[in-house]
Amino acid sequence: FSAAVAVARAQVQQEPFLETSEGIGINITCSHPKIQRTDYIYWYRQLPDRGPELLVSVHKDSKVLPNNLGHVLVSADRR
């Protein structure tokens, strides 16, 4: 699986890489100009020397991530 290919094909707009230390929170934003009402949004994390790990899939509104890792908020226009 190549994330770069998937991102380019999907027209996802987000920071390509963000890093933080334990206990320091960050906001990660992501948008897509042509997202459909039926599309789900998937968030992954990838720790050093590990494969991608699915954190959450969300359709609308907001959802708490497992293990108190944060939460995902989908804007009303889903963009």
C-alpha atoms as a PDB file:
ATOM      1  CA  PHE A   1       0.000   0.000   0.000  1.00  0.00           C
ATOM      2  CA  SER A   2       1.359   3.382  -0.965  1.00  0.00           C
ATOM      3  CA  ALA A   3      -0.082   6.287   0.998  1.00  0.00           C
ATOM      4  CA  ALA A   4       1.403   8.843  -1.393  1.00  0.00           C
ATOM      5  CA  VAL A   5      -0.400   7.299  -4.368  1.00  0.00           C
ATOM      6  CA  ALA A   6      -3.689   7.039  -2.465  1.00  0.00           C
ATOM      7  CA  VAL A   7      -3.462  10.650  -1.257  1.00  0.00           C
ATOM      8  CA  ALA A   8      -2.682  11.981  -4.737  1.00  0.00           C
ATOM      9  CA  ARG A   9      -5.514  10.022  -6.320  1.00  0.00           C
ATOM     10  CA  ALA A  10      -8.004  11.036  -3.609  1.00  0.00           C
ATOM     11  CA  GLN A  11      -7.070  14.759  -3.703  1.00  0.00           C
ATOM     12  CA  VAL A  12      -6.712  14.788   0.080  1.00  0.00           C
ATOM     13  CA  GLN A  13      -5.203  17.979   1.441  1.00  0.00           C
ATOM     14  CA  GLN A  14      -3.280  17.658   4.699  1.00  0.00           C
ATOM     15  CA  GLU A  15       0.132  17.996   6.252  1.00  0.00           C
ATOM     16  CA  PRO A  16       2.308  15.173   4.894  1.00  0.00           C
ATOM     17  CA  PHE A  17       3.968  14.625   8.271  1.00  0.00           C
ATOM     18  CA  LEU A  18       3.438  15.774  11.852  1.00  0.00           C
ATOM     19  CA  GLU A  19       5.274  14.694  14.956  1.00  0.00           C
ATOM     20  CA  THR A  20       4.815  15.376  18.658  1.00  0.00           C
ATOM     21  CA  SER A  21       6.106  14.164  21.999  1.00  0.00           C
ATOM     22  CA  GLU A  22       4.039  12.180  24.450  1.00  0.00           C
ATOM     23  CA  GLY A  23       1.720  14.441  26.417  1.00  0.00           C
ATOM     24  CA  ILE A  24       1.845  17.309  23.917  1.00  0.00           C
ATOM     25  CA  GLY A  25      -1.332  17.637  21.863  1.00  0.00           C
ATOM     26  CA  ILE A  26      -1.553  18.646  18.217  1.00  0.00           C
ATOM     27  CA  ASN A  27      -4.374  19.333  15.765  1.00  0.00           C
ATOM     28  CA  ILE A  28      -4.194  17.540  12.435  1.00  0.00           C
ATOM     29  CA  THR A  29      -6.513  18.823   9.727  1.00  0.00           C
ATOM     30  CA  CYS A  30      -7.487  17.115   6.517  1.00  0.00           C
ATOM     31  CA  SER A  31      -9.809  18.170   3.708  1.00  0.00           C
ATOM     32  CA  HIS A  32     -11.076  16.871   0.395  1.00  0.00           C
ATOM     33  CA  PRO A  33     -12.749  19.140  -2.187  1.00  0.00           C
ATOM     34  CA  LYS A  34     -15.129  16.501  -3.539  1.00  0.00           C
ATOM     35  CA  ILE A  35     -16.067  14.325  -0.574  1.00  0.00           C
ATOM     36  CA  GLN A  36     -19.468  12.709  -0.940  1.00  0.00           C
ATOM     37  CA  ARG A  37     -22.144  12.464   1.776  1.00  0.00           C
ATOM     38  CA  THR A  38     -21.756   8.678   1.865  1.00  0.00           C
ATOM     39  CA  ASP A  39     -17.937   8.644   2.094  1.00  0.00           C
ATOM     40  CA  TYR A  40     -16.258   7.624   5.327  1.00  0.00           C
ATOM     41  CA  ILE A  41     -13.117   9.316   6.633  1.00  0.00           C
ATOM     42  CA  TYR A  42     -10.344   7.033   7.895  1.00  0.00           C
ATOM     43  CA  TRP A  43      -7.563   8.187  10.216  1.00  0.00           C
ATOM     44  CA  TYR A  44      -4.381   6.162  10.670  1.00  0.00           C
ATOM     45  CA  ARG A  45      -1.269   6.659  12.718  1.00  0.00           C
ATOM     46  CA  GLN A  46       2.149   5.273  12.009  1.00  0.00           C
ATOM     47  CA  LEU A  47       4.663   5.016  14.812  1.00  0.00           C
ATOM     48  CA  PRO A  48       8.388   4.816  14.013  1.00  0.00           C
ATOM     49  CA  ASP A  49       9.381   1.458  12.536  1.00  0.00           C
ATOM     50  CA  ARG A  50       5.745   0.256  12.528  1.00  0.00           C
ATOM     51  CA  GLY A  51       3.070  -0.189   9.909  1.00  0.00           C
ATOM     52  CA  PRO A  52      -0.002   2.086   9.682  1.00  0.00           C
ATOM     53  CA  GLU A  53      -2.637   1.507  12.394  1.00  0.00           C
ATOM     54  CA  LEU A  54      -6.301   2.384  11.822  1.00  0.00           C
ATOM     55  CA  LEU A  55      -7.475   4.690  14.606  1.00  0.00           C
ATOM     56  CA  VAL A  56     -11.018   5.495  13.534  1.00  0.00           C
ATOM     57  CA  SER A  57     -13.462   5.624  10.659  1.00  0.00           C
ATOM     58  CA  VAL A  58     -16.105   8.337  10.840  1.00  0.00           C
ATOM     59  CA  HIS A  59     -18.946   9.429   8.606  1.00  0.00           C
ATOM     60  CA  LYS A  60     -20.172  12.659  10.243  1.00  0.00           C
ATOM     61  CA  ASP A  61     -20.209  14.586  13.521  1.00  0.00           C
ATOM     62  CA  SER A  62     -17.427  13.551  15.913  1.00  0.00           C
ATOM     63  CA  LYS A  63     -15.956  10.407  17.358  1.00  0.00           C
ATOM     64  CA  VAL A  64     -13.595   9.707  20.243  1.00  0.00           C
ATOM     65  CA  LEU A  65     -10.455   7.800  19.325  1.00  0.00           C
ATOM     66  CA  PRO A  66      -9.611   4.596  21.222  1.00  0.00           C
ATOM     67  CA  ASN A  67      -7.314   4.669  24.250  1.00  0.00           C
ATOM     68  CA  ASN A  68      -7.998   8.369  24.840  1.00  0.00           C
ATOM     69  CA  LEU A  69      -5.825   9.359  21.844  1.00  0.00           C
ATOM     70  CA  GLY A  70      -8.077  12.300  20.986  1.00  0.00           C
ATOM     71  CA  HIS A  71     -11.124  12.822  18.829  1.00  0.00           C
ATOM     72  CA  VAL A  72     -12.123  13.362  15.210  1.00  0.00           C
ATOM     73  CA  LEU A  73     -14.514  16.169  14.299  1.00  0.00           C
ATOM     74  CA  VAL A  74     -16.124  16.254  10.845  1.00  0.00           C
ATOM     75  CA  SER A  75     -17.331  19.718   9.823  1.00  0.00           C
ATOM     76  CA  ALA A  76     -20.927  20.254   8.746  1.00  0.00           C
ATOM     77  CA  ASP A  77     -19.929  20.639   5.080  1.00  0.00           C
ATOM     78  CA  ARG A  78     -17.777  17.456   5.335  1.00  0.00           C
ATOM     79  CA  ARG A  79     -14.876  19.215   3.638  1.00  0.00           C
END
